[in-house]
Amino acid sequence: MSPIDVRSPKHCDEKGFTVEKLFPKKKLFFCFSTISLSILSFIFLLYLTLHPTKPNFTLREADIYQLNLSGPRQLLNSSIQLTLVSKNPNKKVGIYYDEFQVYASYKGQQITLYTSLPPFYQGHEDSNFLSALLIGNGLPVDPYFGYEVQRDQTAGKLVMNLKGSGRLRWKVGTWVSGNYRFNVDCVAIMPFGPSGPLTFRQGAQCSTTL
């Protein structure tokens, strides 16, 4: 029969095999893992519950009062009035618009300067009317700009893009997120006759990227 080596707790302690040295580390690791998992689970559930939907923008109306070339360099002068409707589709999330700039473009060319809208807060499922006057004085444009405008007048319609970009933050209760960039693109198709201001009154849904 083989001999049985029975060692006392004191002998184990002398060799460094102590229960006190092993289990505190396991407890700390277990507590840290549990807390981390709980925080990640809470963030994931919050994301699933309150995942915000990007805002909706609609071009309500637009008027072109000036769009002509002047001087030997054929520089553009423009004046455009527009009205947008911004809607927050979220039931539990508010939106801070910290920055929002709009401008007009025609056939890929910017035809007004940027116009900044005042910052504002939008509550749950709220809508806001946003109006801006877009101006361009002495803007350089493509040499074929005048030809393109005349061709559209002959066709009887003009297609213009009204664009915007800015920064927003989400608000849930007292918590406010960091900044998110967003871009808005609206298309206005206007009847283009020989005289009178170009107007758009049909209303059009804009595309929004976040």
C-alpha atoms as a PDB file:
ATOM      1  CA  MET A   1       0.000   0.000   0.000  1.00  0.00           C
ATOM      2  CA  SER A   2       1.337   3.430  -0.936  1.00  0.00           C
ATOM      3  CA  PRO A   3       1.926   5.876   1.873  1.00  0.00           C
ATOM      4  CA  ILE A   4      -0.476   8.759   2.200  1.00  0.00           C
ATOM      5  CA  ASP A   5       1.082  12.187   2.581  1.00  0.00           C
ATOM      6  CA  VAL A   6      -1.199  14.282   4.758  1.00  0.00           C
ATOM      7  CA  ARG A   7      -0.029  17.894   4.994  1.00  0.00           C
ATOM      8  CA  SER A   8      -1.346  20.320   7.498  1.00  0.00           C
ATOM      9  CA  PRO A   9      -2.750  23.803   6.613  1.00  0.00           C
ATOM     10  CA  LYS A  10       0.299  25.211   8.299  1.00  0.00           C
ATOM     11  CA  HIS A  11       2.563  23.263   5.956  1.00  0.00           C
ATOM     12  CA  CYS A  12       0.627  24.537   2.922  1.00  0.00           C
ATOM     13  CA  ASP A  13       0.906  28.058   4.187  1.00  0.00           C
ATOM     14  CA  GLU A  14       4.637  27.682   4.401  1.00  0.00           C
ATOM     15  CA  LYS A  15       4.743  26.583   0.729  1.00  0.00           C
ATOM     16  CA  GLY A  16       2.669  29.583  -0.368  1.00  0.00           C
ATOM     17  CA  PHE A  17      -0.614  27.739  -1.099  1.00  0.00           C
ATOM     18  CA  THR A  18      -2.974  29.970   0.883  1.00  0.00           C
ATOM     19  CA  VAL A  19      -6.703  30.277   0.286  1.00  0.00           C
ATOM     20  CA  GLU A  20      -6.582  33.965   1.248  1.00  0.00           C
ATOM     21  CA  LYS A  21      -4.178  34.744  -1.624  1.00  0.00           C
ATOM     22  CA  LEU A  22      -6.247  32.988  -4.310  1.00  0.00           C
ATOM     23  CA  PHE A  23      -9.908  33.819  -3.720  1.00  0.00           C
ATOM     24  CA  PRO A  24      -9.773  37.649  -3.332  1.00  0.00           C
ATOM     25  CA  LYS A  25      -8.465  37.904  -6.916  1.00  0.00           C
ATOM     26  CA  LYS A  26     -11.279  35.674  -8.161  1.00  0.00           C
ATOM     27  CA  LYS A  27     -13.836  37.749  -6.300  1.00  0.00           C
ATOM     28  CA  LEU A  28     -12.501  40.997  -7.742  1.00  0.00           C
ATOM     29  CA  PHE A  29     -12.514  39.562 -11.259  1.00  0.00           C
ATOM     30  CA  PHE A  30     -16.057  38.250 -10.814  1.00  0.00           C
ATOM     31  CA  CYS A  31     -17.321  41.585  -9.456  1.00  0.00           C
ATOM     32  CA  PHE A  32     -15.649  43.548 -12.249  1.00  0.00           C
ATOM     33  CA  SER A  33     -17.059  41.219 -14.917  1.00  0.00           C
ATOM     34  CA  THR A  34     -20.563  41.425 -13.445  1.00  0.00           C
ATOM     35  CA  ILE A  35     -20.517  45.234 -13.295  1.00  0.00           C
ATOM     36  CA  SER A  36     -19.149  45.534 -16.847  1.00  0.00           C
ATOM     37  CA  LEU A  37     -21.755  43.116 -18.200  1.00  0.00           C
ATOM     38  CA  SER A  38     -24.547  45.002 -16.422  1.00  0.00           C
ATOM     39  CA  ILE A  39     -23.402  48.344 -17.867  1.00  0.00           C
ATOM     40  CA  LEU A  40     -23.128  46.938 -21.395  1.00  0.00           C
ATOM     41  CA  SER A  41     -26.554  45.299 -21.094  1.00  0.00           C
ATOM     42  CA  PHE A  42     -28.089  48.574 -19.912  1.00  0.00           C
ATOM     43  CA  ILE A  43     -26.529  50.514 -22.794  1.00  0.00           C
ATOM     44  CA  PHE A  44     -27.716  47.907 -25.306  1.00  0.00           C
ATOM     45  CA  LEU A  45     -31.280  47.936 -23.916  1.00  0.00           C
ATOM     46  CA  LEU A  46     -31.276  51.749 -23.919  1.00  0.00           C
ATOM     47  CA  TYR A  47     -30.140  51.729 -27.538  1.00  0.00           C
ATOM     48  CA  LEU A  48     -32.882  49.282 -28.555  1.00  0.00           C
ATOM     49  CA  THR A  49     -35.551  51.210 -26.654  1.00  0.00           C
ATOM     50  CA  LEU A  50     -34.582  54.773 -27.505  1.00  0.00           C
ATOM     51  CA  HIS A  51     -32.675  54.399 -30.785  1.00  0.00           C
ATOM     52  CA  PRO A  52     -33.492  57.790 -32.328  1.00  0.00           C
ATOM     53  CA  THR A  53     -34.924  58.182 -35.811  1.00  0.00           C
ATOM     54  CA  LYS A  54     -33.377  60.914 -37.951  1.00  0.00           C
ATOM     55  CA  PRO A  55     -35.461  64.090 -38.360  1.00  0.00           C
ATOM     56  CA  ASN A  56     -37.684  64.669 -41.384  1.00  0.00           C
ATOM     57  CA  PHE A  57     -37.502  67.796 -43.539  1.00  0.00           C
ATOM     58  CA  THR A  58     -40.024  69.040 -46.086  1.00  0.00           C
ATOM     59  CA  LEU A  59     -39.574  71.916 -48.516  1.00  0.00           C
ATOM     60  CA  ARG A  60     -42.797  73.874 -48.068  1.00  0.00           C
ATOM     61  CA  GLU A  61     -42.202  76.674 -50.566  1.00  0.00           C
ATOM     62  CA  ALA A  62     -39.486  78.560 -52.413  1.00  0.00           C
ATOM     63  CA  ASP A  63     -39.335  81.787 -54.444  1.00  0.00           C
ATOM     64  CA  ILE A  64     -36.525  82.913 -56.741  1.00  0.00           C
ATOM     65  CA  TYR A  65     -36.547  86.719 -56.909  1.00  0.00           C
ATOM     66  CA  GLN A  66     -33.211  87.159 -58.672  1.00  0.00           C
ATOM     67  CA  LEU A  67     -31.046  84.882 -60.798  1.00  0.00           C
ATOM     68  CA  ASN A  68     -29.006  86.778 -63.360  1.00  0.00           C
ATOM     69  CA  LEU A  69     -25.482  87.370 -64.592  1.00  0.00           C
ATOM     70  CA  SER A  70     -23.850  90.798 -64.647  1.00  0.00           C
ATOM     71  CA  GLY A  71     -20.599  92.493 -65.622  1.00  0.00           C
ATOM     72  CA  PRO A  72     -17.928  91.483 -68.111  1.00  0.00           C
ATOM     73  CA  ARG A  73     -17.016  88.460 -65.974  1.00  0.00           C
ATOM     74  CA  GLN A  74     -20.655  87.285 -65.933  1.00  0.00           C
ATOM     75  CA  LEU A  75     -20.901  86.957 -62.143  1.00  0.00           C
ATOM     76  CA  LEU A  76     -24.102  85.645 -60.592  1.00  0.00           C
ATOM     77  CA  ASN A  77     -26.503  87.622 -58.432  1.00  0.00           C
ATOM     78  CA  SER A  78     -29.239  85.616 -56.724  1.00  0.00           C
ATOM     79  CA  SER A  79     -31.997  86.024 -54.151  1.00  0.00           C
ATOM     80  CA  ILE A  80     -34.091  83.055 -52.980  1.00  0.00           C
ATOM     81  CA  GLN A  81     -36.642  82.787 -50.182  1.00  0.00           C
ATOM     82  CA  LEU A  82     -37.436  79.339 -48.787  1.00  0.00           C
ATOM     83  CA  THR A  83     -39.509  77.727 -46.051  1.00  0.00           C
ATOM     84  CA  LEU A  84     -38.692  74.310 -44.591  1.00  0.00           C
ATOM     85  CA  VAL A  85     -40.666  72.195 -42.138  1.00  0.00           C
ATOM     86  CA  SER A  86     -38.595  70.173 -39.690  1.00  0.00           C
ATOM     87  CA  LYS A  87     -40.265  67.292 -37.818  1.00  0.00           C
ATOM     88  CA  ASN A  88     -38.957  65.180 -34.944  1.00  0.00           C
ATOM     89  CA  PRO A  89     -40.556  61.708 -35.379  1.00  0.00           C
ATOM     90  CA  ASN A  90     -39.312  60.384 -32.025  1.00  0.00           C
ATOM     91  CA  LYS A  91     -41.739  59.843 -29.137  1.00  0.00           C
ATOM     92  CA  LYS A  92     -39.126  59.837 -26.365  1.00  0.00           C
ATOM     93  CA  VAL A  93     -36.183  61.754 -27.811  1.00  0.00           C
ATOM     94  CA  GLY A  94     -35.764  65.520 -28.182  1.00  0.00           C
ATOM     95  CA  ILE A  95     -33.358  67.181 -30.618  1.00  0.00           C
ATOM     96  CA  TYR A  96     -31.000  70.125 -30.107  1.00  0.00           C
ATOM     97  CA  TYR A  97     -30.079  71.766 -33.421  1.00  0.00           C
ATOM     98  CA  ASP A  98     -26.798  73.487 -32.553  1.00  0.00           C
ATOM     99  CA  GLU A  99     -25.938  74.436 -36.121  1.00  0.00           C
ATOM    100  CA  PHE A 100     -27.889  74.505 -39.389  1.00  0.00           C
ATOM    101  CA  GLN A 101     -26.742  76.201 -42.597  1.00  0.00           C
ATOM    102  CA  VAL A 102     -28.665  76.238 -45.877  1.00  0.00           C
ATOM    103  CA  TYR A 103     -27.814  77.223 -49.449  1.00  0.00           C
ATOM    104  CA  ALA A 104     -29.101  76.757 -53.007  1.00  0.00           C
ATOM    105  CA  SER A 105     -27.475  74.959 -55.918  1.00  0.00           C
ATOM    106  CA  TYR A 106     -28.283  74.664 -59.603  1.00  0.00           C
ATOM    107  CA  LYS A 107     -26.883  71.876 -61.781  1.00  0.00           C
ATOM    108  CA  GLY A 108     -24.194  71.121 -59.220  1.00  0.00           C
ATOM    109  CA  GLN A 109     -23.135  74.763 -58.738  1.00  0.00           C
ATOM    110  CA  GLN A 110     -23.646  76.679 -55.514  1.00  0.00           C
ATOM    111  CA  ILE A 111     -25.667  79.784 -56.400  1.00  0.00           C
ATOM    112  CA  THR A 112     -26.035  81.421 -52.965  1.00  0.00           C
ATOM    113  CA  LEU A 113     -23.892  81.880 -49.902  1.00  0.00           C
ATOM    114  CA  TYR A 114     -24.531  79.827 -46.777  1.00  0.00           C
ATOM    115  CA  THR A 115     -27.239  81.192 -44.498  1.00  0.00           C
ATOM    116  CA  SER A 116     -27.183  80.155 -40.829  1.00  0.00           C
ATOM    117  CA  LEU A 117     -30.433  79.451 -38.997  1.00  0.00           C
ATOM    118  CA  PRO A 118     -30.665  80.168 -35.251  1.00  0.00           C
ATOM    119  CA  PRO A 119     -30.101  77.171 -32.914  1.00  0.00           C
ATOM    120  CA  PHE A 120     -33.297  75.653 -31.529  1.00  0.00           C
ATOM    121  CA  TYR A 121     -34.670  72.724 -29.540  1.00  0.00           C
ATOM    122  CA  GLN A 122     -37.333  70.390 -30.933  1.00  0.00           C
ATOM    123  CA  GLY A 123     -39.483  68.377 -28.530  1.00  0.00           C
ATOM    124  CA  HIS A 124     -40.972  64.922 -28.966  1.00  0.00           C
ATOM    125  CA  GLU A 125     -42.908  64.648 -32.265  1.00  0.00           C
ATOM    126  CA  ASP A 126     -42.785  68.441 -32.694  1.00  0.00           C
ATOM    127  CA  SER A 127     -42.614  70.346 -35.988  1.00  0.00           C
ATOM    128  CA  ASN A 128     -40.987  73.710 -36.728  1.00  0.00           C
ATOM    129  CA  PHE A 129     -41.217  76.115 -39.658  1.00  0.00           C
ATOM    130  CA  LEU A 130     -37.807  77.386 -40.780  1.00  0.00           C
ATOM    131  CA  SER A 131     -37.524  80.341 -43.134  1.00  0.00           C
ATOM    132  CA  ALA A 132     -34.401  81.779 -44.715  1.00  0.00           C
ATOM    133  CA  LEU A 133     -33.435  84.326 -47.344  1.00  0.00           C
ATOM    134  CA  LEU A 134     -30.534  83.069 -49.451  1.00  0.00           C
ATOM    135  CA  ILE A 135     -28.377  85.699 -51.154  1.00  0.00           C
ATOM    136  CA  GLY A 136     -25.547  85.565 -53.658  1.00  0.00           C
ATOM    137  CA  ASN A 137     -23.738  88.657 -54.920  1.00  0.00           C
ATOM    138  CA  GLY A 138     -21.038  88.462 -57.588  1.00  0.00           C
ATOM    139  CA  LEU A 139     -20.564  84.694 -57.411  1.00  0.00           C
ATOM    140  CA  PRO A 140     -18.349  83.074 -60.065  1.00  0.00           C
ATOM    141  CA  VAL A 141     -20.146  80.329 -61.994  1.00  0.00           C
ATOM    142  CA  ASP A 142     -19.515  78.014 -64.926  1.00  0.00           C
ATOM    143  CA  PRO A 143     -19.268  79.792 -68.320  1.00  0.00           C
ATOM    144  CA  TYR A 144     -22.237  77.731 -69.529  1.00  0.00           C
ATOM    145  CA  PHE A 145     -24.480  78.813 -66.639  1.00  0.00           C
ATOM    146  CA  GLY A 146     -26.433  81.350 -68.694  1.00  0.00           C
ATOM    147  CA  TYR A 147     -26.942  78.849 -71.500  1.00  0.00           C
ATOM    148  CA  GLU A 148     -28.295  76.247 -69.053  1.00  0.00           C
ATOM    149  CA  VAL A 149     -30.793  78.745 -67.591  1.00  0.00           C
ATOM    150  CA  GLN A 150     -32.003  79.740 -71.076  1.00  0.00           C
ATOM    151  CA  ARG A 151     -32.416  76.100 -72.031  1.00  0.00           C
ATOM    152  CA  ASP A 152     -34.513  75.442 -68.908  1.00  0.00           C
ATOM    153  CA  GLN A 153     -36.642  78.487 -69.694  1.00  0.00           C
ATOM    154  CA  THR A 154     -37.279  77.114 -73.169  1.00  0.00           C
ATOM    155  CA  ALA A 155     -38.241  73.756 -71.623  1.00  0.00           C
ATOM    156  CA  GLY A 156     -40.599  75.560 -69.231  1.00  0.00           C
ATOM    157  CA  LYS A 157     -39.178  74.325 -65.906  1.00  0.00           C
ATOM    158  CA  LEU A 158     -36.221  74.856 -63.645  1.00  0.00           C
ATOM    159  CA  VAL A 159     -34.834  72.281 -61.196  1.00  0.00           C
ATOM    160  CA  MET A 160     -33.056  73.656 -58.137  1.00  0.00           C
ATOM    161  CA  ASN A 161     -31.593  71.966 -55.053  1.00  0.00           C
ATOM    162  CA  LEU A 162     -31.887  73.514 -51.607  1.00  0.00           C
ATOM    163  CA  LYS A 163     -29.359  71.964 -49.278  1.00  0.00           C
ATOM    164  CA  GLY A 164     -28.475  72.157 -45.620  1.00  0.00           C
ATOM    165  CA  SER A 165     -25.934  70.782 -43.187  1.00  0.00           C
ATOM    166  CA  GLY A 166     -25.387  71.071 -39.476  1.00  0.00           C
ATOM    167  CA  ARG A 167     -24.907  69.463 -36.073  1.00  0.00           C
ATOM    168  CA  LEU A 168     -27.510  68.054 -33.701  1.00  0.00           C
ATOM    169  CA  ARG A 169     -27.683  66.349 -30.303  1.00  0.00           C
ATOM    170  CA  TRP A 170     -30.236  63.869 -28.931  1.00  0.00           C
ATOM    171  CA  LYS A 171     -31.908  64.467 -25.542  1.00  0.00           C
ATOM    172  CA  VAL A 172     -33.442  61.668 -23.457  1.00  0.00           C
ATOM    173  CA  GLY A 173     -34.621  62.856 -20.057  1.00  0.00           C
ATOM    174  CA  THR A 174     -31.661  64.730 -18.579  1.00  0.00           C
ATOM    175  CA  TRP A 175     -29.124  62.891 -20.731  1.00  0.00           C
ATOM    176  CA  VAL A 176     -27.785  64.690 -23.830  1.00  0.00           C
ATOM    177  CA  SER A 177     -25.680  62.955 -26.479  1.00  0.00           C
ATOM    178  CA  GLY A 178     -22.616  64.208 -28.313  1.00  0.00           C
ATOM    179  CA  ASN A 179     -22.781  65.997 -31.676  1.00  0.00           C
ATOM    180  CA  TYR A 180     -23.927  64.285 -34.876  1.00  0.00           C
ATOM    181  CA  ARG A 181     -23.509  65.709 -38.371  1.00  0.00           C
ATOM    182  CA  PHE A 182     -26.553  65.739 -40.666  1.00  0.00           C
ATOM    183  CA  ASN A 183     -27.219  66.767 -44.264  1.00  0.00           C
ATOM    184  CA  VAL A 184     -30.469  67.729 -45.988  1.00  0.00           C
ATOM    185  CA  ASP A 185     -31.186  67.822 -49.735  1.00  0.00           C
ATOM    186  CA  CYS A 186     -34.459  69.165 -51.184  1.00  0.00           C
ATOM    187  CA  VAL A 187     -35.422  69.306 -54.856  1.00  0.00           C
ATOM    188  CA  ALA A 188     -37.696  72.072 -56.164  1.00  0.00           C
ATOM    189  CA  ILE A 189     -39.141  71.839 -59.695  1.00  0.00           C
ATOM    190  CA  MET A 190     -40.513  75.237 -60.729  1.00  0.00           C
ATOM    191  CA  PRO A 191     -42.505  76.364 -63.767  1.00  0.00           C
ATOM    192  CA  PHE A 192     -40.210  78.673 -65.738  1.00  0.00           C
ATOM    193  CA  GLY A 193     -41.998  81.232 -67.884  1.00  0.00           C
ATOM    194  CA  PRO A 194     -40.777  84.328 -69.742  1.00  0.00           C
ATOM    195  CA  SER A 195     -41.556  86.667 -66.816  1.00  0.00           C
ATOM    196  CA  GLY A 196     -42.439  86.829 -63.149  1.00  0.00           C
ATOM    197  CA  PRO A 197     -40.743  85.219 -60.110  1.00  0.00           C
ATOM    198  CA  LEU A 198     -40.072  81.501 -60.083  1.00  0.00           C
ATOM    199  CA  THR A 199     -42.186  79.907 -57.350  1.00  0.00           C
ATOM    200  CA  PHE A 200     -42.523  76.466 -55.790  1.00  0.00           C
ATOM    201  CA  ARG A 201     -45.651  75.631 -53.772  1.00  0.00           C
ATOM    202  CA  GLN A 202     -46.186  71.883 -54.226  1.00  0.00           C
ATOM    203  CA  GLY A 203     -44.208  70.785 -51.197  1.00  0.00           C
ATOM    204  CA  ALA A 204     -41.524  68.086 -51.440  1.00  0.00           C
ATOM    205  CA  GLN A 205     -40.012  65.592 -49.028  1.00  0.00           C
ATOM    206  CA  CYS A 206     -36.282  66.127 -48.533  1.00  0.00           C
ATOM    207  CA  SER A 207     -33.659  63.439 -48.074  1.00  0.00           C
ATOM    208  CA  THR A 208     -31.795  63.448 -44.748  1.00  0.00           C
ATOM    209  CA  THR A 209     -28.537  61.678 -43.943  1.00  0.00           C
ATOM    210  CA  LEU A 210     -27.037  61.368 -40.492  1.00  0.00           C
END
